[in-house]
Amino acid sequence: MTRTETAAIGLARASVVPRSFALNGDPPHSQMQWFTEGLRGVMLERGYHELAAPGPEVQVILHQLDPDAARPYRRKSAPTF
């Protein structure tokens, strides 16, 4: 995987793995697990690379949450959506 240099708010120069993603958290119920597995499969089919853990080098983080107890995921000044 090739890393690209990007600049973002709060980051002087961060090295990001293009088309990368990681999962964060455990699915709270079977419906969220089904959705996450489906989205993961589509991303892999479309050329994204799954990294073992979320971090500033990851382009997309799939933050699994319980809708009844949602909590934000902080990326230490990295972009969030």
PDB file of N, CA and C in Angstrom:
ATOM      1  N   MET A   1       0.826  -1.178   0.000  1.00  0.00           N
ATOM      2  CA  MET A   1       0.000   0.000   0.000  1.00  0.00           C
ATOM      3  C   MET A   1       0.874   1.247   0.000  1.00  0.00           C
ATOM      4  N   THR A   2       0.497   2.187  -0.771  1.00  0.00           N
ATOM      5  CA  THR A   2       1.210   3.452  -0.851  1.00  0.00           C
ATOM      6  C   THR A   2       0.511   4.464   0.029  1.00  0.00           C
ATOM      7  N   ARG A   3       1.285   5.241   0.744  1.00  0.00           N
ATOM      8  CA  ARG A   3       0.721   6.283   1.587  1.00  0.00           C
ATOM      9  C   ARG A   3       0.781   7.607   0.848  1.00  0.00           C
ATOM     10  N   THR A   4      -0.191   8.440   1.094  1.00  0.00           N
ATOM     11  CA  THR A   4      -0.178   9.771   0.512  1.00  0.00           C
ATOM     12  C   THR A   4      -0.118  10.790   1.633  1.00  0.00           C
ATOM     13  N   GLU A   5       0.449  11.936   1.319  1.00  0.00           N
ATOM     14  CA  GLU A   5       0.530  13.025   2.289  1.00  0.00           C
ATOM     15  C   GLU A   5      -0.695  13.905   2.124  1.00  0.00           C
ATOM     16  N   THR A   6      -1.361  14.169   3.220  1.00  0.00           N
ATOM     17  CA  THR A   6      -2.524  15.038   3.191  1.00  0.00           C
ATOM     18  C   THR A   6      -2.394  16.068   4.286  1.00  0.00           C
ATOM     19  N   ALA A   7      -3.060  17.168   4.111  1.00  0.00           N
ATOM     20  CA  ALA A   7      -3.126  18.194   5.148  1.00  0.00           C
ATOM     21  C   ALA A   7      -4.584  18.364   5.520  1.00  0.00           C
ATOM     22  N   ALA A   8      -4.871  18.480   6.792  1.00  0.00           N
ATOM     23  CA  ALA A   8      -6.241  18.649   7.259  1.00  0.00           C
ATOM     24  C   ALA A   8      -6.236  19.556   8.476  1.00  0.00           C
ATOM     25  N   ILE A   9      -7.403  19.970   8.873  1.00  0.00           N
ATOM     26  CA  ILE A   9      -7.515  20.821  10.056  1.00  0.00           C
ATOM     27  C   ILE A   9      -6.916  20.088  11.248  1.00  0.00           C
ATOM     28  N   GLY A  10      -6.002  20.715  11.918  1.00  0.00           N
ATOM     29  CA  GLY A  10      -5.386  20.125  13.103  1.00  0.00           C
ATOM     30  C   GLY A  10      -4.217  19.215  12.810  1.00  0.00           C
ATOM     31  N   LEU A  11      -3.958  18.920  11.556  1.00  0.00           N
ATOM     32  CA  LEU A  11      -2.851  18.035  11.210  1.00  0.00           C
ATOM     33  C   LEU A  11      -1.887  18.783  10.299  1.00  0.00           C
ATOM     34  N   ALA A  12      -0.637  18.852  10.680  1.00  0.00           N
ATOM     35  CA  ALA A  12       0.354  19.524   9.845  1.00  0.00           C
ATOM     36  C   ALA A  12       0.579  18.705   8.572  1.00  0.00           C
ATOM     37  N   ARG A  13       0.979  17.477   8.703  1.00  0.00           N
ATOM     38  CA  ARG A  13       1.139  16.542   7.589  1.00  0.00           C
ATOM     39  C   ARG A  13       0.856  15.155   8.152  1.00  0.00           C
ATOM     40  N   ALA A  14      -0.151  14.520   7.664  1.00  0.00           N
ATOM     41  CA  ALA A  14      -0.495  13.181   8.133  1.00  0.00           C
ATOM     42  C   ALA A  14      -0.359  12.209   6.973  1.00  0.00           C
ATOM     43  N   SER A  15       0.132  11.039   7.241  1.00  0.00           N
ATOM     44  CA  SER A  15       0.283  10.012   6.239  1.00  0.00           C
ATOM     45  C   SER A  15      -0.941   9.102   6.292  1.00  0.00           C
ATOM     46  N   VAL A  16      -1.707   9.058   5.204  1.00  0.00           N
ATOM     47  CA  VAL A  16      -2.940   8.291   5.151  1.00  0.00           C
ATOM     48  C   VAL A  16      -2.816   7.208   4.092  1.00  0.00           C
ATOM     49  N   VAL A  17      -3.243   6.000   4.425  1.00  0.00           N
ATOM     50  CA  VAL A  17      -3.258   4.907   3.456  1.00  0.00           C
ATOM     51  C   VAL A  17      -4.504   5.093   2.591  1.00  0.00           C
ATOM     52  N   PRO A  18      -4.323   5.369   1.289  1.00  0.00           N
ATOM     53  CA  PRO A  18      -5.483   5.587   0.421  1.00  0.00           C
ATOM     54  C   PRO A  18      -6.378   4.348   0.366  1.00  0.00           C
ATOM     55  N   ARG A  19      -7.683   4.586   0.263  1.00  0.00           N
ATOM     56  CA  ARG A  19      -8.671   3.512   0.148  1.00  0.00           C
ATOM     57  C   ARG A  19      -8.530   2.486   1.258  1.00  0.00           C
ATOM     58  N   SER A  20      -8.306   2.977   2.465  1.00  0.00           N
ATOM     59  CA  SER A  20      -8.187   2.094   3.621  1.00  0.00           C
ATOM     60  C   SER A  20      -9.385   2.299   4.550  1.00  0.00           C
ATOM     61  N   PHE A  21      -9.712   1.240   5.293  1.00  0.00           N
ATOM     62  CA  PHE A  21     -10.763   1.346   6.298  1.00  0.00           C
ATOM     63  C   PHE A  21     -10.457   0.414   7.452  1.00  0.00           C
ATOM     64  N   ALA A  22     -11.083   0.686   8.587  1.00  0.00           N
ATOM     65  CA  ALA A  22     -10.949  -0.165   9.768  1.00  0.00           C
ATOM     66  C   ALA A  22     -12.265  -0.133  10.525  1.00  0.00           C
ATOM     67  N   LEU A  23     -12.518  -1.188  11.271  1.00  0.00           N
ATOM     68  CA  LEU A  23     -13.706  -1.263  12.114  1.00  0.00           C
ATOM     69  C   LEU A  23     -13.349  -0.786  13.516  1.00  0.00           C
ATOM     70  N   ASN A  24     -14.316  -0.154  14.173  1.00  0.00           N
ATOM     71  CA  ASN A  24     -14.127   0.266  15.558  1.00  0.00           C
ATOM     72  C   ASN A  24     -15.345  -0.171  16.353  1.00  0.00           C
ATOM     73  N   GLY A  25     -15.102  -0.845  17.453  1.00  0.00           N
ATOM     74  CA  GLY A  25     -16.186  -1.287  18.316  1.00  0.00           C
ATOM     75  C   GLY A  25     -16.758  -2.625  17.881  1.00  0.00           C
ATOM     76  N   ASP A  26     -17.631  -3.144  18.733  1.00  0.00           N
ATOM     77  CA  ASP A  26     -18.295  -4.417  18.468  1.00  0.00           C
ATOM     78  C   ASP A  26     -19.758  -4.143  18.139  1.00  0.00           C
ATOM     79  N   PRO A  27     -20.318  -4.898  17.186  1.00  0.00           N
ATOM     80  CA  PRO A  27     -21.728  -4.681  16.863  1.00  0.00           C
ATOM     81  C   PRO A  27     -22.597  -5.045  18.068  1.00  0.00           C
ATOM     82  N   PRO A  28     -23.530  -4.165  18.465  1.00  0.00           N
ATOM     83  CA  PRO A  28     -24.329  -4.404  19.658  1.00  0.00           C
ATOM     84  C   PRO A  28     -25.439  -5.433  19.454  1.00  0.00           C
ATOM     85  N   HIS A  29     -25.792  -5.707  18.203  1.00  0.00           N
ATOM     86  CA  HIS A  29     -26.856  -6.681  17.933  1.00  0.00           C
ATOM     87  C   HIS A  29     -26.677  -7.244  16.523  1.00  0.00           C
ATOM     88  N   SER A  30     -27.436  -8.270  16.204  1.00  0.00           N
ATOM     89  CA  SER A  30     -27.248  -8.986  14.945  1.00  0.00           C
ATOM     90  C   SER A  30     -27.536  -8.121  13.715  1.00  0.00           C
ATOM     91  N   GLN A  31     -28.457  -7.187  13.809  1.00  0.00           N
ATOM     92  CA  GLN A  31     -28.755  -6.332  12.664  1.00  0.00           C
ATOM     93  C   GLN A  31     -27.565  -5.436  12.322  1.00  0.00           C
ATOM     94  N   MET A  32     -26.903  -4.882  13.323  1.00  0.00           N
ATOM     95  CA  MET A  32     -25.706  -4.063  13.084  1.00  0.00           C
ATOM     96  C   MET A  32     -24.576  -4.938  12.549  1.00  0.00           C
ATOM     97  N   GLN A  33     -24.443  -6.150  13.045  1.00  0.00           N
ATOM     98  CA  GLN A  33     -23.405  -7.059  12.548  1.00  0.00           C
ATOM     99  C   GLN A  33     -23.656  -7.370  11.071  1.00  0.00           C
ATOM    100  N   TRP A  34     -24.912  -7.638  10.704  1.00  0.00           N
ATOM    101  CA  TRP A  34     -25.284  -7.902   9.314  1.00  0.00           C
ATOM    102  C   TRP A  34     -24.919  -6.712   8.425  1.00  0.00           C
ATOM    103  N   PHE A  35     -25.275  -5.509   8.862  1.00  0.00           N
ATOM    104  CA  PHE A  35     -24.991  -4.310   8.090  1.00  0.00           C
ATOM    105  C   PHE A  35     -23.491  -4.096   7.928  1.00  0.00           C
ATOM    106  N   THR A  36     -22.747  -4.232   9.020  1.00  0.00           N
ATOM    107  CA  THR A  36     -21.305  -4.019   8.986  1.00  0.00           C
ATOM    108  C   THR A  36     -20.614  -5.035   8.081  1.00  0.00           C
ATOM    109  N   GLU A  37     -21.008  -6.293   8.170  1.00  0.00           N
ATOM    110  CA  GLU A  37     -20.406  -7.321   7.310  1.00  0.00           C
ATOM    111  C   GLU A  37     -20.702  -7.046   5.834  1.00  0.00           C
ATOM    112  N   GLY A  38     -21.918  -6.598   5.539  1.00  0.00           N
ATOM    113  CA  GLY A  38     -22.267  -6.267   4.159  1.00  0.00           C
ATOM    114  C   GLY A  38     -21.473  -5.085   3.631  1.00  0.00           C
ATOM    115  N   LEU A  39     -21.376  -4.031   4.425  1.00  0.00           N
ATOM    116  CA  LEU A  39     -20.614  -2.851   4.024  1.00  0.00           C
ATOM    117  C   LEU A  39     -19.135  -3.181   3.872  1.00  0.00           C
ATOM    118  N   ARG A  40     -18.604  -3.972   4.787  1.00  0.00           N
ATOM    119  CA  ARG A  40     -17.201  -4.408   4.714  1.00  0.00           C
ATOM    120  C   ARG A  40     -16.959  -5.163   3.406  1.00  0.00           C
ATOM    121  N   GLY A  41     -17.856  -6.090   3.067  1.00  0.00           N
ATOM    122  CA  GLY A  41     -17.709  -6.867   1.836  1.00  0.00           C
ATOM    123  C   GLY A  41     -17.718  -5.994   0.589  1.00  0.00           C
ATOM    124  N   VAL A  42     -18.616  -5.018   0.538  1.00  0.00           N
ATOM    125  CA  VAL A  42     -18.684  -4.107  -0.615  1.00  0.00           C
ATOM    126  C   VAL A  42     -17.408  -3.277  -0.707  1.00  0.00           C
ATOM    127  N   MET A  43     -16.927  -2.798   0.421  1.00  0.00           N
ATOM    128  CA  MET A  43     -15.702  -1.980   0.396  1.00  0.00           C
ATOM    129  C   MET A  43     -14.515  -2.802  -0.106  1.00  0.00           C
ATOM    130  N   LEU A  44     -14.404  -4.052   0.339  1.00  0.00           N
ATOM    131  CA  LEU A  44     -13.316  -4.912  -0.133  1.00  0.00           C
ATOM    132  C   LEU A  44     -13.454  -5.182  -1.628  1.00  0.00           C
ATOM    133  N   GLU A  45     -14.677  -5.427  -2.108  1.00  0.00           N
ATOM    134  CA  GLU A  45     -14.911  -5.643  -3.536  1.00  0.00           C
ATOM    135  C   GLU A  45     -14.536  -4.422  -4.374  1.00  0.00           C
ATOM    136  N   ARG A  46     -14.691  -3.239  -3.799  1.00  0.00           N
ATOM    137  CA  ARG A  46     -14.419  -1.991  -4.525  1.00  0.00           C
ATOM    138  C   ARG A  46     -12.977  -1.522  -4.383  1.00  0.00           C
ATOM    139  N   GLY A  47     -12.114  -2.355  -3.814  1.00  0.00           N
ATOM    140  CA  GLY A  47     -10.696  -2.032  -3.787  1.00  0.00           C
ATOM    141  C   GLY A  47     -10.179  -1.366  -2.532  1.00  0.00           C
ATOM    142  N   TYR A  48     -10.992  -1.299  -1.479  1.00  0.00           N
ATOM    143  CA  TYR A  48     -10.504  -0.760  -0.203  1.00  0.00           C
ATOM    144  C   TYR A  48      -9.707  -1.835   0.521  1.00  0.00           C
ATOM    145  N   HIS A  49      -8.771  -1.418   1.351  1.00  0.00           N
ATOM    146  CA  HIS A  49      -7.937  -2.324   2.134  1.00  0.00           C
ATOM    147  C   HIS A  49      -8.330  -2.178   3.593  1.00  0.00           C
ATOM    148  N   GLU A  50      -8.588  -3.311   4.250  1.00  0.00           N
ATOM    149  CA  GLU A  50      -8.947  -3.268   5.666  1.00  0.00           C
ATOM    150  C   GLU A  50      -7.675  -3.282   6.513  1.00  0.00           C
ATOM    151  N   LEU A  51      -7.571  -2.329   7.417  1.00  0.00           N
ATOM    152  CA  LEU A  51      -6.459  -2.286   8.361  1.00  0.00           C
ATOM    153  C   LEU A  51      -6.936  -2.833   9.697  1.00  0.00           C
ATOM    154  N   ALA A  52      -6.006  -3.332  10.488  1.00  0.00           N
ATOM    155  CA  ALA A  52      -6.348  -4.040  11.726  1.00  0.00           C
ATOM    156  C   ALA A  52      -6.975  -3.153  12.796  1.00  0.00           C
ATOM    157  N   ALA A  53      -6.580  -1.896  12.855  1.00  0.00           N
ATOM    158  CA  ALA A  53      -7.070  -1.027  13.928  1.00  0.00           C
ATOM    159  C   ALA A  53      -7.273   0.394  13.408  1.00  0.00           C
ATOM    160  N   PRO A  54      -8.244   1.113  13.966  1.00  0.00           N
ATOM    161  CA  PRO A  54      -8.435   2.505  13.559  1.00  0.00           C
ATOM    162  C   PRO A  54      -7.275   3.368  14.035  1.00  0.00           C
ATOM    163  N   GLY A  55      -6.949   4.359  13.266  1.00  0.00           N
ATOM    164  CA  GLY A  55      -5.870   5.279  13.621  1.00  0.00           C
ATOM    165  C   GLY A  55      -5.823   6.408  12.621  1.00  0.00           C
ATOM    166  N   PRO A  56      -4.915   7.358  12.808  1.00  0.00           N
ATOM    167  CA  PRO A  56      -4.862   8.525  11.918  1.00  0.00           C
ATOM    168  C   PRO A  56      -4.465   8.185  10.485  1.00  0.00           C
ATOM    169  N   GLU A  57      -3.876   7.030  10.252  1.00  0.00           N
ATOM    170  CA  GLU A  57      -3.478   6.639   8.901  1.00  0.00           C
ATOM    171  C   GLU A  57      -4.623   5.992   8.111  1.00  0.00           C
ATOM    172  N   VAL A  58      -5.740   5.721   8.776  1.00  0.00           N
ATOM    173  CA  VAL A  58      -6.883   5.071   8.144  1.00  0.00           C
ATOM    174  C   VAL A  58      -7.789   6.128   7.516  1.00  0.00           C
ATOM    175  N   GLN A  59      -8.183   5.904   6.277  1.00  0.00           N
ATOM    176  CA  GLN A  59      -9.010   6.885   5.573  1.00  0.00           C
ATOM    177  C   GLN A  59     -10.470   6.861   6.055  1.00  0.00           C
ATOM    178  N   VAL A  60     -11.058   5.663   6.239  1.00  0.00           N
ATOM    179  CA  VAL A  60     -12.455   5.532   6.666  1.00  0.00           C
ATOM    180  C   VAL A  60     -12.524   4.599   7.861  1.00  0.00           C
ATOM    181  N   ILE A  61     -13.229   5.025   8.901  1.00  0.00           N
ATOM    182  CA  ILE A  61     -13.435   4.170  10.069  1.00  0.00           C
ATOM    183  C   ILE A  61     -14.915   3.885  10.198  1.00  0.00           C
ATOM    184  N   LEU A  62     -15.259   2.604  10.257  1.00  0.00           N
ATOM    185  CA  LEU A  62     -16.643   2.187  10.458  1.00  0.00           C
ATOM    186  C   LEU A  62     -16.853   2.025  11.959  1.00  0.00           C
ATOM    187  N   HIS A  63     -17.464   3.029  12.548  1.00  0.00           N
ATOM    188  CA  HIS A  63     -17.690   3.070  13.992  1.00  0.00           C
ATOM    189  C   HIS A  63     -19.027   2.414  14.285  1.00  0.00           C
ATOM    190  N   GLN A  64     -18.978   1.221  14.867  1.00  0.00           N
ATOM    191  CA  GLN A  64     -20.196   0.479  15.180  1.00  0.00           C
ATOM    192  C   GLN A  64     -20.737   0.963  16.519  1.00  0.00           C
ATOM    193  N   LEU A  65     -22.007   1.297  16.540  1.00  0.00           N
ATOM    194  CA  LEU A  65     -22.555   1.832  17.776  1.00  0.00           C
ATOM    195  C   LEU A  65     -23.943   1.289  18.042  1.00  0.00           C
ATOM    196  N   ASP A  66     -24.346   1.417  19.265  1.00  0.00           N
ATOM    197  CA  ASP A  66     -25.688   1.057  19.692  1.00  0.00           C
ATOM    198  C   ASP A  66     -26.541   2.313  19.560  1.00  0.00           C
ATOM    199  N   PRO A  67     -27.569   2.307  18.704  1.00  0.00           N
ATOM    200  CA  PRO A  67     -28.376   3.519  18.518  1.00  0.00           C
ATOM    201  C   PRO A  67     -28.985   4.050  19.811  1.00  0.00           C
ATOM    202  N   ASP A  68     -29.204   3.186  20.780  1.00  0.00           N
ATOM    203  CA  ASP A  68     -29.789   3.617  22.051  1.00  0.00           C
ATOM    204  C   ASP A  68     -28.756   4.189  23.016  1.00  0.00           C
ATOM    205  N   ALA A  69     -27.480   3.991  22.714  1.00  0.00           N
ATOM    206  CA  ALA A  69     -26.412   4.501  23.580  1.00  0.00           C
ATOM    207  C   ALA A  69     -25.248   5.006  22.730  1.00  0.00           C
ATOM    208  N   ALA A  70     -25.553   5.828  21.737  1.00  0.00           N
ATOM    209  CA  ALA A  70     -24.523   6.310  20.807  1.00  0.00           C
ATOM    210  C   ALA A  70     -23.515   7.206  21.516  1.00  0.00           C
ATOM    211  N   ARG A  71     -22.245   7.003  21.196  1.00  0.00           N
ATOM    212  CA  ARG A  71     -21.153   7.820  21.707  1.00  0.00           C
ATOM    213  C   ARG A  71     -20.260   8.191  20.534  1.00  0.00           C
ATOM    214  N   PRO A  72     -19.720   9.394  20.516  1.00  0.00           N
ATOM    215  CA  PRO A  72     -18.859   9.794  19.395  1.00  0.00           C
ATOM    216  C   PRO A  72     -17.524   9.049  19.420  1.00  0.00           C
ATOM    217  N   TYR A  73     -16.922   8.968  18.257  1.00  0.00           N
ATOM    218  CA  TYR A  73     -15.587   8.397  18.117  1.00  0.00           C
ATOM    219  C   TYR A  73     -14.637   9.530  17.783  1.00  0.00           C
ATOM    220  N   ARG A  74     -13.672   9.802  18.630  1.00  0.00           N
ATOM    221  CA  ARG A  74     -12.708  10.887  18.415  1.00  0.00           C
ATOM    222  C   ARG A  74     -11.525  10.349  17.625  1.00  0.00           C
ATOM    223  N   ARG A  75     -11.106  11.099  16.606  1.00  0.00           N
ATOM    224  CA  ARG A  75      -9.985  10.692  15.759  1.00  0.00           C
ATOM    225  C   ARG A  75      -8.776  11.592  15.952  1.00  0.00           C
ATOM    226  N   LYS A  76      -8.664  12.276  17.067  1.00  0.00           N
ATOM    227  CA  LYS A  76      -7.505  13.122  17.363  1.00  0.00           C
ATOM    228  C   LYS A  76      -7.214  14.068  16.213  1.00  0.00           C
ATOM    229  N   SER A  77      -8.188  14.896  15.881  1.00  0.00           N
ATOM    230  CA  SER A  77      -8.099  15.926  14.859  1.00  0.00           C
ATOM    231  C   SER A  77      -8.148  15.405  13.428  1.00  0.00           C
ATOM    232  N   ALA A  78      -8.344  14.116  13.229  1.00  0.00           N
ATOM    233  CA  ALA A  78      -8.517  13.587  11.883  1.00  0.00           C
ATOM    234  C   ALA A  78      -9.978  13.775  11.477  1.00  0.00           C
ATOM    235  N   PRO A  79     -10.268  13.844  10.189  1.00  0.00           N
ATOM    236  CA  PRO A  79     -11.642  14.083   9.752  1.00  0.00           C
ATOM    237  C   PRO A  79     -12.592  12.976  10.199  1.00  0.00           C
ATOM    238  N   THR A  80     -13.799  13.355  10.518  1.00  0.00           N
ATOM    239  CA  THR A  80     -14.859  12.387  10.825  1.00  0.00           C
ATOM    240  C   THR A  80     -16.090  12.763  10.013  1.00  0.00           C
ATOM    241  N   PHE A  81     -16.919  11.769   9.748  1.00  0.00           N
ATOM    242  CA  PHE A  81     -18.118  11.986   8.949  1.00  0.00           C
ATOM    243  C   PHE A  81     -19.312  11.464   9.707  1.00  0.00           C
TER     244      PHE A  81
END
